[in-house]
Structure formats: structure tokens, C-alpha cells
Amino acid sequence: MNNKSIANGLLFGVGMALALESWLLGIMFGIIFYVGLNEKKRTET
């Protein structure tokens, strides 16, 4: 696992949670963002 993409996903998730005032939505967006980054890296290699 790549720690940088995990950190980016968590940071994005926490940011969205604070912006939306909903931790559940923030965590969901963070997971979606993390999975999207992983898929992008897989298709590039």
C-alpha cells in the first residue's frame, strides 16, 4: 500500500467531513477518492 495515497484520501475525507459537517459523508468521500487514485495509478502502469 502506498502511504501517500492513503494520507491524501484521509486528508480529503477529513476536509469533506468538516465542510459538510457530516463525518460519515466525509469518510465515504475519502474512501472514494482513495480508490479513485489507486485505479488511476493501476491504469498508468
N, C-alpha and C. Protein backbone atom coordinates (compact mmCIF):
# COMPACT_ATOMS: atom_id res chain seq x y z
N MET A 1 0.84 -1.20 0.00
CA MET A 1 0.00 0.00 0.00
C MET A 1 0.87 1.25 0.00
N ASN A 2 0.40 2.22 -0.72
CA ASN A 2 1.13 3.47 -0.82
C ASN A 2 0.65 4.43 0.27
N ASN A 3 1.56 4.81 1.15
CA ASN A 3 1.19 5.68 2.27
C ASN A 3 0.76 7.07 1.81
N LYS A 4 1.33 7.54 0.70
CA LYS A 4 0.99 8.89 0.23
C LYS A 4 -0.47 8.95 -0.22
N SER A 5 -0.94 7.94 -0.93
CA SER A 5 -2.33 7.95 -1.38
C SER A 5 -3.30 7.75 -0.22
N ILE A 6 -2.89 6.98 0.79
CA ILE A 6 -3.72 6.81 1.99
C ILE A 6 -3.85 8.16 2.70
N ALA A 7 -2.73 8.86 2.83
CA ALA A 7 -2.74 10.16 3.50
C ALA A 7 -3.61 11.15 2.73
N ASN A 8 -3.51 11.14 1.41
CA ASN A 8 -4.33 12.04 0.60
C ASN A 8 -5.81 11.73 0.77
N GLY A 9 -6.15 10.45 0.78
CA GLY A 9 -7.55 10.05 0.97
C GLY A 9 -8.08 10.48 2.32
N LEU A 10 -7.26 10.29 3.37
CA LEU A 10 -7.69 10.69 4.71
C LEU A 10 -7.83 12.20 4.82
N LEU A 11 -6.88 12.93 4.25
CA LEU A 11 -6.93 14.39 4.30
C LEU A 11 -8.16 14.90 3.56
N PHE A 12 -8.43 14.33 2.40
CA PHE A 12 -9.61 14.73 1.64
C PHE A 12 -10.89 14.39 2.40
N GLY A 13 -10.91 13.20 3.01
CA GLY A 13 -12.09 12.78 3.77
C GLY A 13 -12.36 13.68 4.97
N VAL A 14 -11.30 14.04 5.70
CA VAL A 14 -11.47 14.92 6.86
C VAL A 14 -11.92 16.31 6.40
N GLY A 15 -11.34 16.79 5.31
CA GLY A 15 -11.74 18.10 4.77
C GLY A 15 -13.20 18.11 4.36
N MET A 16 -13.64 17.06 3.70
CA MET A 16 -15.04 16.98 3.29
C MET A 16 -15.95 16.86 4.52
N ALA A 17 -15.51 16.11 5.53
CA ALA A 17 -16.31 15.96 6.75
C ALA A 17 -16.50 17.30 7.44
N LEU A 18 -15.45 18.11 7.49
CA LEU A 18 -15.56 19.42 8.12
C LEU A 18 -16.44 20.36 7.28
N ALA A 19 -16.30 20.26 5.95
CA ALA A 19 -17.08 21.14 5.07
C ALA A 19 -18.56 20.77 5.10
N LEU A 20 -18.86 19.50 5.15
CA LEU A 20 -20.25 19.05 5.10
C LEU A 20 -20.87 18.88 6.48
N GLU A 21 -20.04 19.00 7.52
CA GLU A 21 -20.47 18.78 8.90
C GLU A 21 -21.10 17.40 9.09
N SER A 22 -20.57 16.42 8.35
CA SER A 22 -21.04 15.05 8.47
C SER A 22 -19.84 14.11 8.33
N TRP A 23 -19.46 13.44 9.41
CA TRP A 23 -18.28 12.57 9.37
C TRP A 23 -18.50 11.38 8.46
N LEU A 24 -19.70 10.84 8.44
CA LEU A 24 -19.96 9.67 7.61
C LEU A 24 -19.77 9.99 6.13
N LEU A 25 -20.31 11.12 5.69
CA LEU A 25 -20.13 11.52 4.29
C LEU A 25 -18.66 11.80 3.99
N GLY A 26 -17.96 12.42 4.93
CA GLY A 26 -16.55 12.70 4.73
C GLY A 26 -15.73 11.44 4.56
N ILE A 27 -16.00 10.45 5.40
CA ILE A 27 -15.29 9.17 5.30
C ILE A 27 -15.60 8.49 3.98
N MET A 28 -16.86 8.54 3.57
CA MET A 28 -17.23 7.92 2.29
C MET A 28 -16.52 8.60 1.13
N PHE A 29 -16.50 9.94 1.12
CA PHE A 29 -15.80 10.65 0.06
C PHE A 29 -14.30 10.35 0.08
N GLY A 30 -13.72 10.23 1.26
CA GLY A 30 -12.30 9.90 1.38
C GLY A 30 -11.99 8.53 0.80
N ILE A 31 -12.84 7.55 1.07
CA ILE A 31 -12.64 6.20 0.53
C ILE A 31 -12.78 6.22 -0.99
N ILE A 32 -13.78 6.95 -1.50
CA ILE A 32 -13.97 7.03 -2.95
C ILE A 32 -12.75 7.69 -3.60
N PHE A 33 -12.25 8.76 -3.00
CA PHE A 33 -11.08 9.46 -3.52
C PHE A 33 -9.86 8.54 -3.51
N TYR A 34 -9.67 7.78 -2.43
CA TYR A 34 -8.54 6.85 -2.30
C TYR A 34 -8.61 5.75 -3.37
N VAL A 35 -9.79 5.18 -3.55
CA VAL A 35 -9.96 4.12 -4.55
C VAL A 35 -9.73 4.68 -5.95
N GLY A 36 -10.22 5.90 -6.19
CA GLY A 36 -10.02 6.53 -7.49
C GLY A 36 -8.54 6.75 -7.79
N LEU A 37 -7.77 7.17 -6.80
CA LEU A 37 -6.32 7.36 -7.01
C LEU A 37 -5.65 6.03 -7.32
N ASN A 38 -6.04 4.98 -6.62
CA ASN A 38 -5.43 3.67 -6.86
C ASN A 38 -5.76 3.17 -8.26
N GLU A 39 -6.98 3.34 -8.71
CA GLU A 39 -7.37 2.90 -10.06
C GLU A 39 -6.60 3.68 -11.12
N LYS A 40 -6.41 4.97 -10.90
CA LYS A 40 -5.67 5.79 -11.85
C LYS A 40 -4.22 5.31 -11.96
N LYS A 41 -3.60 4.99 -10.83
CA LYS A 41 -2.22 4.52 -10.84
C LYS A 41 -2.10 3.15 -11.50
N ARG A 42 -3.09 2.30 -11.32
CA ARG A 42 -3.06 0.98 -11.94
C ARG A 42 -3.14 1.08 -13.45
N THR A 43 -3.96 2.00 -13.95
CA THR A 43 -4.11 2.11 -15.40
C THR A 43 -2.89 2.76 -16.04
N GLU A 44 -2.14 3.57 -15.28
CA GLU A 44 -0.95 4.21 -15.83
C GLU A 44 0.19 3.23 -15.99
N THR A 45 0.28 2.22 -15.13
CA THR A 45 1.40 1.28 -15.19
C THR A 45 1.10 0.11 -16.08
